[in-house]
Protein backbone atom coordinates (compact mmCIF):
# COMPACT_ATOMS: atom_id res chain seq x y z
CA UNK A 1 120.08 78.08 205.91
CA UNK A 2 116.71 78.38 207.62
CA UNK A 3 115.69 81.84 208.77
CA UNK A 4 113.29 80.45 211.39
CA UNK A 5 113.61 82.33 214.66
CA UNK A 6 116.72 84.24 213.59
CA UNK A 7 116.94 88.00 213.96
CA UNK A 8 118.94 90.33 211.73
CA UNK A 9 119.72 93.84 212.90
CA UNK A 10 119.37 96.25 209.98
CA UNK A 11 121.00 99.67 210.22
CA UNK A 12 119.87 102.51 207.99
CA UNK A 13 116.46 100.84 208.00
CA UNK A 14 114.58 104.04 207.15
CA UNK A 15 116.93 104.79 204.24
CA UNK A 16 117.15 103.48 200.71
CA UNK A 17 119.49 100.53 201.19
CA UNK A 18 118.51 99.53 204.71
CA UNK A 19 114.83 99.88 203.88
CA UNK A 20 115.17 97.60 200.86
CA UNK A 21 117.15 95.06 202.90
CA UNK A 22 114.59 95.08 205.73
CA UNK A 23 111.75 94.49 203.26
CA UNK A 24 113.57 91.65 201.51
CA UNK A 25 114.53 89.91 204.75
CA UNK A 26 110.98 90.14 206.09
CA UNK A 27 109.70 88.64 202.83
CA UNK A 28 112.21 85.81 203.20
CA UNK A 29 110.98 84.97 206.69
CA UNK A 30 113.69 86.54 208.85
CA UNK A 31 112.95 88.48 211.98
CA UNK A 32 114.11 92.03 211.37
CA UNK A 33 115.23 94.46 214.06
CA UNK A 34 115.31 97.90 212.44
CA UNK A 35 117.68 100.48 213.93
CA UNK A 36 116.59 104.11 213.74
CA UNK A 37 117.38 107.32 215.57
CA UNK A 38 113.68 108.16 215.79
CA UNK A 39 111.15 105.37 216.29
CA UNK A 40 108.30 107.89 216.02
CA UNK A 41 109.07 108.84 212.40
CA UNK A 42 106.63 107.89 209.65
CA UNK A 43 109.14 105.53 208.05
CA UNK A 44 109.88 103.83 211.37
CA UNK A 45 106.16 103.38 212.01
CA UNK A 46 105.74 101.87 208.53
CA UNK A 47 108.54 99.40 209.28
CA UNK A 48 106.80 98.35 212.48
CA UNK A 49 103.54 97.88 210.61
CA UNK A 50 105.35 95.69 208.07
CA UNK A 51 106.46 93.34 210.85
CA UNK A 52 109.86 94.68 211.88
CA UNK A 53 110.91 95.26 215.46
CA UNK A 54 111.93 98.93 215.62
CA UNK A 55 114.61 100.01 218.09
CA UNK A 56 116.20 103.38 218.66
CA UNK A 57 119.95 103.77 218.56
CA UNK A 58 122.81 105.70 217.07
CA UNK A 59 125.89 104.40 215.26
CA UNK A 60 127.94 106.82 217.32
CA UNK A 61 126.65 105.41 220.59
CA UNK A 62 128.19 102.03 221.35
CA UNK A 63 125.87 101.35 224.30
CA UNK A 64 122.78 101.75 222.12
CA UNK A 65 124.31 99.41 219.54
CA UNK A 66 125.05 96.79 222.18
CA UNK A 67 121.38 96.85 223.18
CA UNK A 68 120.20 96.73 219.57
CA UNK A 69 122.50 93.85 218.61
CA UNK A 70 121.78 91.67 221.66
CA UNK A 71 120.57 88.28 220.44
CA UNK A 72 120.92 89.13 216.75
CA UNK A 73 122.05 86.31 214.47
CA UNK A 74 123.14 88.70 211.72
CA UNK A 75 123.79 92.40 211.09
CA UNK A 76 123.36 94.56 207.98
CA UNK A 77 125.75 97.49 208.08
CA UNK A 78 125.40 100.71 206.07
CA UNK A 79 126.81 104.10 207.03
CA UNK A 80 126.39 107.68 205.91
CA UNK A 81 129.51 108.92 204.16
CA UNK A 82 131.49 112.05 204.97
CA UNK A 83 131.14 114.48 202.07
CA UNK A 84 130.35 118.15 201.52
CA UNK A 85 126.77 119.01 202.31
CA UNK A 86 126.16 115.75 204.15
CA UNK A 87 125.47 115.47 207.86
CA UNK A 88 129.04 114.30 208.52
CA UNK A 89 130.96 116.49 206.09
CA UNK A 90 132.76 118.04 209.04
CA UNK A 91 133.84 114.68 210.49
CA UNK A 92 135.89 112.53 208.13
CA UNK A 93 136.36 109.82 210.76
CA UNK A 94 132.65 109.27 211.31
CA UNK A 95 132.22 106.34 208.93
CA UNK A 96 135.19 104.39 210.28
CA UNK A 97 134.11 104.95 213.90
CA UNK A 98 130.50 103.96 213.29
CA UNK A 99 131.60 100.80 211.45
CA UNK A 100 133.97 99.95 214.31
CA UNK A 101 131.20 100.51 216.86
CA UNK A 102 128.76 98.30 214.98
CA UNK A 103 131.34 95.60 214.36
CA UNK A 104 132.25 95.51 218.04
CA UNK A 105 128.59 95.33 219.05
CA UNK A 106 128.01 92.50 216.57
CA UNK A 107 131.02 90.64 217.93
CA UNK A 108 129.88 91.04 221.53
CA UNK A 109 126.41 89.80 220.57
CA UNK A 110 127.90 86.70 218.95
CA UNK A 111 126.50 87.51 215.52
CA UNK A 112 127.17 84.77 212.98
CA UNK A 113 127.43 87.02 209.91
CA UNK A 114 127.66 90.70 209.00
CA UNK A 115 126.90 92.15 205.57
CA UNK A 116 128.50 95.55 205.05
CA UNK A 117 127.56 97.97 202.27
CA UNK A 118 130.51 99.99 201.00
CA UNK A 119 131.13 101.46 197.51
CA UNK A 120 132.48 100.34 194.17
CA UNK A 121 136.10 101.28 193.68
CA UNK A 122 137.42 100.39 197.13
CA UNK A 123 140.71 98.60 196.64
CA UNK A 124 140.88 99.72 193.00
CA UNK A 125 142.91 102.31 191.08
CA UNK A 126 140.52 105.18 191.91
CA UNK A 127 140.80 104.81 195.68
CA UNK A 128 144.05 106.83 196.06
CA UNK A 129 142.44 109.72 194.17
CA UNK A 130 138.99 109.79 195.79
CA UNK A 131 138.57 110.80 199.43
CA UNK A 132 135.14 109.17 199.57
CA UNK A 133 136.60 105.79 198.65
CA UNK A 134 139.33 106.22 201.23
CA UNK A 135 136.67 106.74 203.92
CA UNK A 136 134.81 103.65 202.66
CA UNK A 137 138.04 101.63 202.78
CA UNK A 138 138.61 102.70 206.39
CA UNK A 139 135.13 101.48 207.29
CA UNK A 140 135.76 98.14 205.54
CA UNK A 141 138.96 97.69 207.53
CA UNK A 142 137.05 98.37 210.76
CA UNK A 143 134.50 95.68 209.86
CA UNK A 144 137.26 93.16 209.10
CA UNK A 145 139.00 94.00 212.37
CA UNK A 146 135.82 93.22 214.33
CA UNK A 147 136.38 89.49 213.87
CA UNK A 148 132.76 88.88 212.78
CA UNK A 149 132.42 86.80 209.57
CA UNK A 150 131.45 89.24 206.83
CA UNK A 151 130.43 89.84 203.23
CA UNK A 152 131.24 93.16 201.54
CA UNK A 153 128.80 94.70 199.06
CA UNK A 154 130.13 97.52 196.88
CA UNK A 155 127.24 99.15 195.02
CA UNK A 156 127.68 101.28 191.91
CA UNK A 157 125.36 104.20 191.01
CA UNK A 158 121.82 103.70 192.27
CA UNK A 159 119.21 103.47 189.53
CA UNK A 160 116.85 105.33 191.86
CA UNK A 161 119.13 108.38 191.97
CA UNK A 162 118.40 109.10 188.31
CA UNK A 163 114.93 110.21 189.30
CA UNK A 164 115.41 111.87 192.68
CA UNK A 165 118.89 113.42 192.61
CA UNK A 166 119.59 117.04 191.73
CA UNK A 167 122.62 115.85 189.74
CA UNK A 168 120.84 113.94 187.01
CA UNK A 169 117.45 114.57 185.39
CA UNK A 170 116.77 118.29 185.22
CA UNK A 171 113.75 119.76 183.45
CA UNK A 172 113.29 116.52 181.55
CA UNK A 173 116.89 116.26 180.32
CA UNK A 174 119.77 114.05 181.48
CA UNK A 175 122.15 116.75 182.67
CA UNK A 176 125.52 115.38 183.73
CA UNK A 177 129.22 116.08 183.82
CA UNK A 178 129.83 112.57 182.55
CA UNK A 179 130.71 112.50 178.86
CA UNK A 180 128.20 111.13 176.35
CA UNK A 181 130.26 107.97 175.87
CA UNK A 182 131.25 107.46 179.51
CA UNK A 183 130.08 104.12 180.86
CA UNK A 184 128.38 104.20 184.25
CA UNK A 185 127.41 100.97 186.03
CA UNK A 186 124.08 101.01 187.89
CA UNK A 187 122.41 98.88 190.55
CA UNK A 188 118.85 98.80 191.93
CA UNK A 189 118.42 99.07 195.69
CA UNK A 190 116.30 95.91 195.57
CA UNK A 191 119.24 94.02 194.06
CA UNK A 192 121.54 95.24 196.81
CA UNK A 193 118.95 93.79 199.19
CA UNK A 194 118.89 90.55 197.20
CA UNK A 195 122.67 90.11 197.57
CA UNK A 196 122.42 90.81 201.29
CA UNK A 197 119.68 88.19 201.63
CA UNK A 198 121.71 85.68 199.60
CA UNK A 199 124.73 86.19 201.87
CA UNK A 200 122.66 85.75 205.03
CA UNK A 201 120.96 82.64 203.62
CA UNK A 202 124.30 80.92 202.88
CA UNK A 203 127.01 82.69 204.89
CA UNK A 204 129.62 79.99 204.39
CA UNK A 205 129.47 80.44 200.60
CA UNK A 206 129.89 84.24 200.80
CA UNK A 207 132.13 84.72 203.83
CA UNK A 208 135.04 87.05 203.14
CA UNK A 209 133.84 87.89 199.63
CA UNK A 210 133.35 91.34 198.14
CA UNK A 211 130.84 91.95 195.35
CA UNK A 212 131.06 94.96 193.04
CA UNK A 213 127.34 95.36 192.41
CA UNK A 214 125.91 96.40 189.03
CA UNK A 215 122.95 95.23 187.00
CA UNK A 216 123.75 97.37 183.97
CA UNK A 217 126.71 99.26 182.52
CA UNK A 218 125.60 101.94 180.06
CA UNK A 219 126.82 105.16 178.49
CA UNK A 220 125.08 108.45 179.11
CA UNK A 221 123.64 108.46 175.59
CA UNK A 222 122.32 104.94 176.13
CA UNK A 223 120.81 105.99 179.44
CA UNK A 224 119.01 108.96 177.88
CA UNK A 225 117.74 106.72 175.07
CA UNK A 226 116.37 104.14 177.54
CA UNK A 227 114.54 106.80 179.53
CA UNK A 228 113.11 108.24 176.31
CA UNK A 229 111.97 104.83 175.06
CA UNK A 230 110.35 103.75 178.32
CA UNK A 231 108.57 107.04 179.00
CA UNK A 232 107.68 107.95 175.42
CA UNK A 233 109.31 111.35 175.93
CA UNK A 234 112.31 112.91 174.29
CA UNK A 235 114.90 113.02 177.07
CA UNK A 236 118.11 114.53 175.67
CA UNK A 237 121.61 114.11 177.02
CA UNK A 238 123.09 117.45 178.08
CA UNK A 239 126.77 117.47 179.00
CA UNK A 240 128.12 120.08 181.39
CA UNK A 241 131.57 120.94 182.64
CA UNK A 242 132.45 119.39 186.03
CA UNK A 243 133.49 122.88 187.11
CA UNK A 244 129.79 123.80 187.13
CA UNK A 245 129.29 121.31 189.97
CA UNK A 246 132.47 122.14 191.86
CA UNK A 247 130.94 125.16 193.60
CA UNK A 248 128.29 122.93 195.22
CA UNK A 249 130.41 119.83 195.73
CA UNK A 250 134.12 119.74 194.85
CA UNK A 251 134.32 116.01 195.62
CA UNK A 252 131.42 115.22 193.27
CA UNK A 253 133.05 117.22 190.48
CA UNK A 254 136.33 115.41 191.05
CA UNK A 255 134.62 112.01 191.12
CA UNK A 256 132.79 112.60 187.83
CA UNK A 257 135.97 113.85 186.17
CA UNK A 258 137.79 110.69 187.28
CA UNK A 259 134.99 108.44 186.01
CA UNK A 260 135.28 110.16 182.62
CA UNK A 261 138.94 109.13 182.55
CA UNK A 262 138.79 105.67 184.14
CA UNK A 263 136.09 103.11 183.39
CA UNK A 264 134.71 101.31 186.44
CA UNK A 265 135.07 97.60 185.82
CA UNK A 266 132.17 95.31 186.77
CA UNK A 267 131.48 91.65 186.00
CA UNK A 268 127.72 91.44 185.53
CA UNK A 269 127.69 87.84 184.19
CA UNK A 270 129.47 86.67 187.36
CA UNK A 271 126.95 88.54 189.51
CA UNK A 272 124.07 86.93 187.63
CA UNK A 273 125.43 83.52 188.54
CA UNK A 274 124.89 84.52 192.18
CA UNK A 275 121.63 86.39 191.59
CA UNK A 276 120.00 85.49 188.25
CA UNK A 277 117.25 88.07 188.72
CA UNK A 278 119.65 91.02 188.56
CA UNK A 279 117.88 93.95 186.88
CA UNK A 280 119.02 96.03 183.93
CA UNK A 281 118.19 99.74 184.01
CA UNK A 282 115.32 99.25 181.56
CA UNK A 283 113.91 96.29 183.51
CA UNK A 284 114.02 98.36 186.69
CA UNK A 285 112.34 101.33 184.99
CA UNK A 286 109.50 99.21 183.61
CA UNK A 287 109.10 97.18 186.80
CA UNK A 288 109.69 98.06 190.44
CA UNK A 289 111.12 101.47 189.58
CA UNK A 290 108.16 102.62 187.51
CA UNK A 291 106.39 104.48 190.37
CA UNK A 292 109.54 106.55 190.98
CA UNK A 293 109.87 107.25 187.24
CA UNK A 294 106.24 108.32 186.95
CA UNK A 295 106.48 110.48 190.09
CA UNK A 296 109.47 112.35 188.68
CA UNK A 297 107.75 113.19 185.41
CA UNK A 298 104.54 114.14 187.23
CA UNK A 299 106.56 116.69 189.21
CA UNK A 300 108.30 117.87 186.05
CA UNK A 301 104.96 118.32 184.27
CA UNK A 302 103.53 120.21 187.23
CA UNK A 303 106.31 122.78 187.07
């Protein structure tokens, strides 16, 4: 489908997923309308300089979403989850409401397609045991109820989080409550964006589908070995008890304990048939992710 003259509203445009989607859509020739709460922020200004139309709005404010969605051909939907320490940890219904608001605004605007980013595990055996997945499932149901044709994306662990999350690399070691042999699927933010772009480019082929997104599925020992090989540093795996995390985030500790017990199933060959350029962790580290990798180790060396 031609992108000529068509506008896609991108939520979360100053964040990791929305930012990657906005960049990919602009590169593919779409008009991008980037939704942000603060159009004066540095990231919002950078989006405008890259060619996006930047509009202010809030996922909790239906009127602002109606204005933002007016005339949009498509909508990319991503929502902050409700978890301890997050901005909506006190409001477990936030994600469902914001998805419902956006879906209704997209419907009123006559949007042809909506791509919604959720989380791996929705609809699977872990959902009854993980509150986060239950919140994600509620948001998915709200999107379906909107009546707008949709594609669901369910990302696994972000490759980027390895190098900018307090839960992973610490003092040059891979410190995690996941066991050494526990498999953990990973996806690059740019590949999430690629699947969103693919769905918008051919909505009929992807309508109603849900993709469990992963470019690699590796154990913790394999992950530490890849980081060591790429960086030329010895990066050891250090296992810790989930209880050590529970004081900061009980839900995170519970999630990691469940992943140790139940492998997350992904079908990477099937995903590659949709997106042949899907990145492995090592390909991401040596390619588009290299600046983030180098920045982490520069900070580690400085301290």
